[in-house]
């Protein structure tokens, strides 16, 4: 009894497993090729329209600060270099603080909260250097430039007071950006086209898996365990009827000719 129960469970498990013929699935995709092309076009077009009409252009202005200055007049010694290297990340964190950011808001008369302005600012230490890059992104290029320059000015004055360290230098002032930094039309169109294509492929895959109709001799063998002896070719019933009528008329014509000869 236990063996029979086990065999039944195994057979039931086999019946529940649905095999996917990848080659057949790929062929199904190819049969829907026009639909896939339409999905790519619609996705790319929709993403392009959304990018053009709904997503505002943004501009990024950049200023740079050199986190080292001479501790004795104009002479820069090794200790100054070490201080600049070790304190760069500390400067970055302090530049994100409320005293610096709120002072920038006050100096420029901006209508932003601390959190809003902080989200517009990106502070990074350039790799293997003592340079801090101040990037400010805004929908107004002039505003982005003003904020980047004011961030550098305020940091130069305020941070040494907090850290009791040498004052950093402004290495580069920001200029007004002339080209937008985002959004990228090309990138968004490609992402939109790919997203819609993947969605359509997913829907087609679900439809393919839910289709349990028997189409081939292999399907018959898999479902019933027997191999069919013959396979009826695909074709319309009207086509078969026309062929049958043509054969019948041909036979009548031949029989009539035989009768005439007789």
Protein backbone atom coordinates (compact mmCIF):
# COMPACT_ATOMS: atom_id res chain seq x y z
CA UNK A 1 0.00 0.00 0.00
CA UNK A 2 2.80 2.42 0.87
CA UNK A 3 4.52 1.77 -2.47
CA UNK A 4 1.29 2.33 -4.39
CA UNK A 5 0.64 5.57 -2.49
CA UNK A 6 4.17 6.76 -3.23
CA UNK A 7 3.78 5.92 -6.93
CA UNK A 8 0.50 7.82 -7.06
CA UNK A 9 2.11 10.86 -5.44
CA UNK A 10 4.98 10.73 -7.91
CA UNK A 11 2.59 10.47 -10.85
CA UNK A 12 0.48 13.34 -9.48
CA UNK A 13 3.62 15.43 -9.08
CA UNK A 14 4.62 14.71 -12.65
CA UNK A 15 1.19 15.75 -13.87
CA UNK A 16 1.46 19.05 -12.00
CA UNK A 17 4.83 19.87 -13.56
CA UNK A 18 4.42 21.91 -16.70
CA UNK A 19 7.31 21.69 -19.07
CA UNK A 20 8.24 24.75 -21.08
CA UNK A 21 9.72 24.22 -24.51
CA UNK A 22 11.96 27.26 -24.86
CA UNK A 23 12.30 26.78 -28.58
CA UNK A 24 8.53 26.62 -28.96
CA UNK A 25 8.15 29.67 -26.70
CA UNK A 26 10.67 31.57 -28.81
CA UNK A 27 8.74 30.60 -31.91
CA UNK A 28 5.58 31.91 -30.25
CA UNK A 29 7.37 35.19 -29.60
CA UNK A 30 8.41 35.36 -33.26
CA UNK A 31 4.81 34.84 -34.34
CA UNK A 32 3.98 37.98 -32.35
CA UNK A 33 6.88 39.95 -33.84
CA UNK A 34 4.71 42.84 -35.12
CA UNK A 35 3.19 43.18 -31.65
CA UNK A 36 6.65 43.32 -30.06
CA UNK A 37 7.79 46.00 -32.50
CA UNK A 38 4.63 48.00 -31.72
CA UNK A 39 5.34 47.65 -27.98
CA UNK A 40 8.86 49.03 -28.44
CA UNK A 41 7.60 51.97 -30.49
CA UNK A 42 4.73 52.77 -28.10
CA UNK A 43 6.98 52.50 -25.02
CA UNK A 44 9.68 54.72 -26.48
CA UNK A 45 7.17 57.26 -27.75
CA UNK A 46 5.33 57.43 -24.42
CA UNK A 47 8.58 57.85 -22.50
CA UNK A 48 9.71 60.57 -24.90
CA UNK A 49 6.46 62.51 -24.54
CA UNK A 50 6.51 62.23 -20.77
CA UNK A 51 10.14 63.37 -20.65
CA UNK A 52 9.49 66.32 -22.96
CA UNK A 53 6.24 67.62 -21.48
CA UNK A 54 6.10 66.47 -17.84
CA UNK A 55 9.70 66.31 -16.58
CA UNK A 56 11.31 69.77 -16.15
CA UNK A 57 14.86 70.38 -17.36
CA UNK A 58 17.48 70.65 -14.64
CA UNK A 59 20.89 72.33 -14.70
CA UNK A 60 23.95 71.62 -12.56
CA UNK A 61 26.56 74.18 -11.55
CA UNK A 62 29.86 73.13 -9.96
CA UNK A 63 32.33 74.94 -7.73
CA UNK A 64 35.44 73.43 -6.14
CA UNK A 65 37.24 73.98 -2.86
CA UNK A 66 40.82 73.07 -2.05
CA UNK A 67 40.94 71.81 1.52
CA UNK A 68 44.40 73.10 2.38
CA UNK A 69 46.05 76.44 2.93
CA UNK A 70 49.45 77.50 4.18
CA UNK A 71 49.79 77.38 7.95
CA UNK A 72 52.65 79.87 7.85
CA UNK A 73 52.29 82.67 5.32
CA UNK A 74 52.59 81.24 1.79
CA UNK A 75 54.55 78.11 2.65
CA UNK A 76 52.72 74.77 2.45
CA UNK A 77 54.48 72.03 4.38
CA UNK A 78 53.83 68.30 4.83
CA UNK A 79 51.64 68.83 7.88
CA UNK A 80 49.34 71.08 5.84
CA UNK A 81 48.97 68.33 3.21
CA UNK A 82 48.18 65.73 5.85
CA UNK A 83 45.62 68.00 7.49
CA UNK A 84 43.91 68.66 4.17
CA UNK A 85 43.75 64.95 3.33
CA UNK A 86 42.39 63.86 6.70
CA UNK A 87 39.85 66.67 7.10
CA UNK A 88 38.26 66.65 3.64
CA UNK A 89 35.46 64.28 4.65
CA UNK A 90 34.93 66.24 7.87
CA UNK A 91 34.54 69.41 5.84
CA UNK A 92 31.96 67.71 3.62
CA UNK A 93 29.83 66.60 6.56
CA UNK A 94 29.97 70.02 8.19
CA UNK A 95 29.05 71.72 4.91
CA UNK A 96 25.81 69.72 4.99
CA UNK A 97 24.96 71.09 8.44
CA UNK A 98 22.24 73.60 9.16
CA UNK A 99 24.53 76.55 9.94
CA UNK A 100 26.09 76.53 6.47
CA UNK A 101 22.97 75.63 4.45
CA UNK A 102 20.67 78.04 6.31
CA UNK A 103 23.23 80.82 5.94
CA UNK A 104 23.20 80.24 2.16
CA UNK A 105 19.39 80.50 2.19
CA UNK A 106 19.59 83.76 4.16
CA UNK A 107 22.35 85.32 2.05
CA UNK A 108 20.57 84.60 -1.25
CA UNK A 109 17.02 85.12 0.04
CA UNK A 110 15.92 81.70 -1.19
CA UNK A 111 12.42 80.35 -0.68
CA UNK A 112 13.63 76.88 0.30
CA UNK A 113 13.64 74.93 3.53
CA UNK A 114 16.84 73.36 4.82
CA UNK A 115 15.82 69.92 3.56
CA UNK A 116 14.82 71.19 0.11
CA UNK A 117 18.11 73.01 -0.47
CA UNK A 118 20.15 70.12 0.91
CA UNK A 119 18.52 67.81 -1.64
CA UNK A 120 19.70 70.15 -4.40
CA UNK A 121 23.33 70.00 -3.24
CA UNK A 122 25.76 67.14 -3.83
CA UNK A 123 29.14 67.29 -2.04
CA UNK A 124 31.91 64.85 -2.98
CA UNK A 125 35.63 64.54 -2.38
CA UNK A 126 37.46 64.06 -5.68
CA UNK A 127 39.27 60.71 -5.56
CA UNK A 128 42.90 60.85 -4.35
CA UNK A 129 42.76 64.61 -3.92
CA UNK A 130 41.98 67.21 -1.25
CA UNK A 131 39.39 68.87 -3.49
CA UNK A 132 35.70 69.01 -2.56
CA UNK A 133 33.29 69.38 -5.47
CA UNK A 134 30.08 71.32 -4.78
CA UNK A 135 27.38 70.40 -7.32
CA UNK A 136 24.06 72.22 -7.21
CA UNK A 137 21.12 71.16 -9.39
CA UNK A 138 18.17 73.44 -10.11
CA UNK A 139 15.62 74.15 -12.80
CA UNK A 140 17.10 77.68 -12.97
CA UNK A 141 20.74 77.70 -14.20
CA UNK A 142 21.46 81.11 -12.65
CA UNK A 143 20.15 79.94 -9.29
CA UNK A 144 22.31 76.80 -9.43
CA UNK A 145 25.40 78.95 -10.06
CA UNK A 146 24.62 81.38 -7.22
CA UNK A 147 24.01 78.61 -4.69
CA UNK A 148 27.23 76.76 -5.62
CA UNK A 149 29.33 79.93 -5.25
CA UNK A 150 27.64 80.96 -2.00
CA UNK A 151 28.17 77.48 -0.55
CA UNK A 152 31.88 77.86 -1.21
CA UNK A 153 32.01 81.37 0.32
CA UNK A 154 30.07 80.41 3.44
CA UNK A 155 32.09 77.23 3.96
CA UNK A 156 35.38 79.12 3.64
CA UNK A 157 34.33 81.49 6.43
CA UNK A 158 32.32 79.28 8.78
CA UNK A 159 34.04 75.90 8.81
CA UNK A 160 37.44 77.00 10.19
CA UNK A 161 35.56 78.52 13.15
CA UNK A 162 34.03 75.16 13.98
CA UNK A 163 37.08 72.97 13.29
CA UNK A 164 39.80 75.35 14.40
CA UNK A 165 41.66 74.34 11.26
CA UNK A 166 43.22 76.19 8.30
CA UNK A 167 40.73 77.93 6.03
CA UNK A 168 40.10 76.13 2.73
CA UNK A 169 40.59 77.88 -0.58
CA UNK A 170 38.08 78.36 -3.37
CA UNK A 171 39.75 76.57 -6.29
CA UNK A 172 37.04 77.21 -8.89
CA UNK A 173 33.96 79.35 -8.99
CA UNK A 174 30.81 78.02 -10.60
CA UNK A 175 29.71 79.34 -13.98
CA UNK A 176 26.20 79.36 -15.37
CA UNK A 177 25.45 76.02 -17.04
CA UNK A 178 24.25 76.24 -20.62
CA UNK A 179 23.23 72.59 -21.11
CA UNK A 180 20.77 70.63 -19.03
CA UNK A 181 22.07 67.82 -16.83
CA UNK A 182 18.77 65.94 -16.77
CA UNK A 183 16.54 64.38 -17.91
CA UNK A 184 18.23 62.34 -20.62
CA UNK A 185 15.82 61.90 -23.53
CA UNK A 186 17.81 58.99 -25.02
CA UNK A 187 18.03 57.12 -21.74
CA UNK A 188 14.35 57.58 -20.89
CA UNK A 189 13.20 56.51 -24.36
CA UNK A 190 15.30 53.35 -24.16
CA UNK A 191 14.06 52.55 -20.65
CA UNK A 192 10.43 53.15 -21.67
CA UNK A 193 10.72 50.97 -24.78
CA UNK A 194 12.39 48.17 -22.79
CA UNK A 195 9.84 48.37 -19.97
CA UNK A 196 6.85 48.02 -22.30
CA UNK A 197 8.60 45.23 -24.24
CA UNK A 198 9.22 43.27 -21.03
CA UNK A 199 5.59 43.81 -19.97
CA UNK A 200 4.28 42.50 -23.30
CA UNK A 201 6.64 39.51 -23.19
CA UNK A 202 5.40 38.70 -19.69
CA UNK A 203 1.78 38.83 -20.83
CA UNK A 204 2.54 36.66 -23.88
CA UNK A 205 4.35 34.15 -21.66
CA UNK A 206 1.33 33.90 -19.34
CA UNK A 207 -0.98 33.42 -22.31
CA UNK A 208 1.35 30.74 -23.68
CA UNK A 209 1.44 28.86 -20.38
CA UNK A 210 -2.34 29.03 -19.92
CA UNK A 211 -2.99 27.65 -23.40
CA UNK A 212 -3.61 23.92 -22.82
CA UNK A 213 -4.87 23.07 -26.30
CA UNK A 214 -3.24 20.11 -28.03
CA UNK A 215 -1.38 21.19 -31.14
CA UNK A 216 1.30 18.58 -31.90
CA UNK A 217 1.84 14.84 -31.72
CA UNK A 218 4.22 15.45 -28.81
CA UNK A 219 1.38 17.11 -26.89
CA UNK A 220 -0.81 14.03 -27.44
CA UNK A 221 1.95 11.71 -26.24
CA UNK A 222 2.61 13.87 -23.17
CA UNK A 223 -1.07 14.13 -22.21
CA UNK A 224 -2.29 10.59 -23.01
CA UNK A 225 0.88 8.52 -23.17
CA UNK A 226 0.23 7.34 -26.74
CA UNK A 227 1.72 8.37 -30.05
CA UNK A 228 -0.85 9.15 -32.77
CA UNK A 229 -0.53 7.15 -35.99
CA UNK A 230 -1.47 10.03 -38.28
CA UNK A 231 -1.71 13.77 -38.09
CA UNK A 232 -4.34 15.77 -39.92
CA UNK A 233 -2.65 18.71 -41.65
CA UNK A 234 -3.78 22.21 -40.91
CA UNK A 235 -6.18 23.83 -43.37
CA UNK A 236 -9.65 25.27 -43.68
CA UNK A 237 -12.69 23.00 -44.10
CA UNK A 238 -13.79 25.02 -47.13
CA UNK A 239 -10.42 24.39 -48.75
CA UNK A 240 -10.76 20.66 -48.15
CA UNK A 241 -14.31 20.74 -49.53
CA UNK A 242 -13.20 22.52 -52.68
CA UNK A 243 -10.43 20.00 -53.17
CA UNK A 244 -12.87 17.12 -52.66
CA UNK A 245 -15.35 18.62 -55.17
CA UNK A 246 -12.58 19.10 -57.70
CA UNK A 247 -11.51 15.48 -57.36
CA UNK A 248 -15.11 14.31 -57.69
CA UNK A 249 -15.69 16.33 -60.87
CA UNK A 250 -12.42 15.09 -62.29
CA UNK A 251 -13.46 11.48 -61.72
CA UNK A 252 -16.89 12.07 -63.30
CA UNK A 253 -15.23 13.64 -66.34
CA UNK A 254 -12.86 10.70 -66.74
CA UNK A 255 -15.71 8.18 -66.39
CA UNK A 256 -17.77 10.08 -68.98
CA UNK A 257 -14.89 10.02 -71.46
CA UNK A 258 -14.47 6.31 -70.93
CA UNK A 259 -18.20 5.80 -71.59
CA UNK A 260 -18.02 7.86 -74.79
CA UNK A 261 -15.11 5.80 -76.06
CA UNK A 262 -16.97 2.61 -75.28
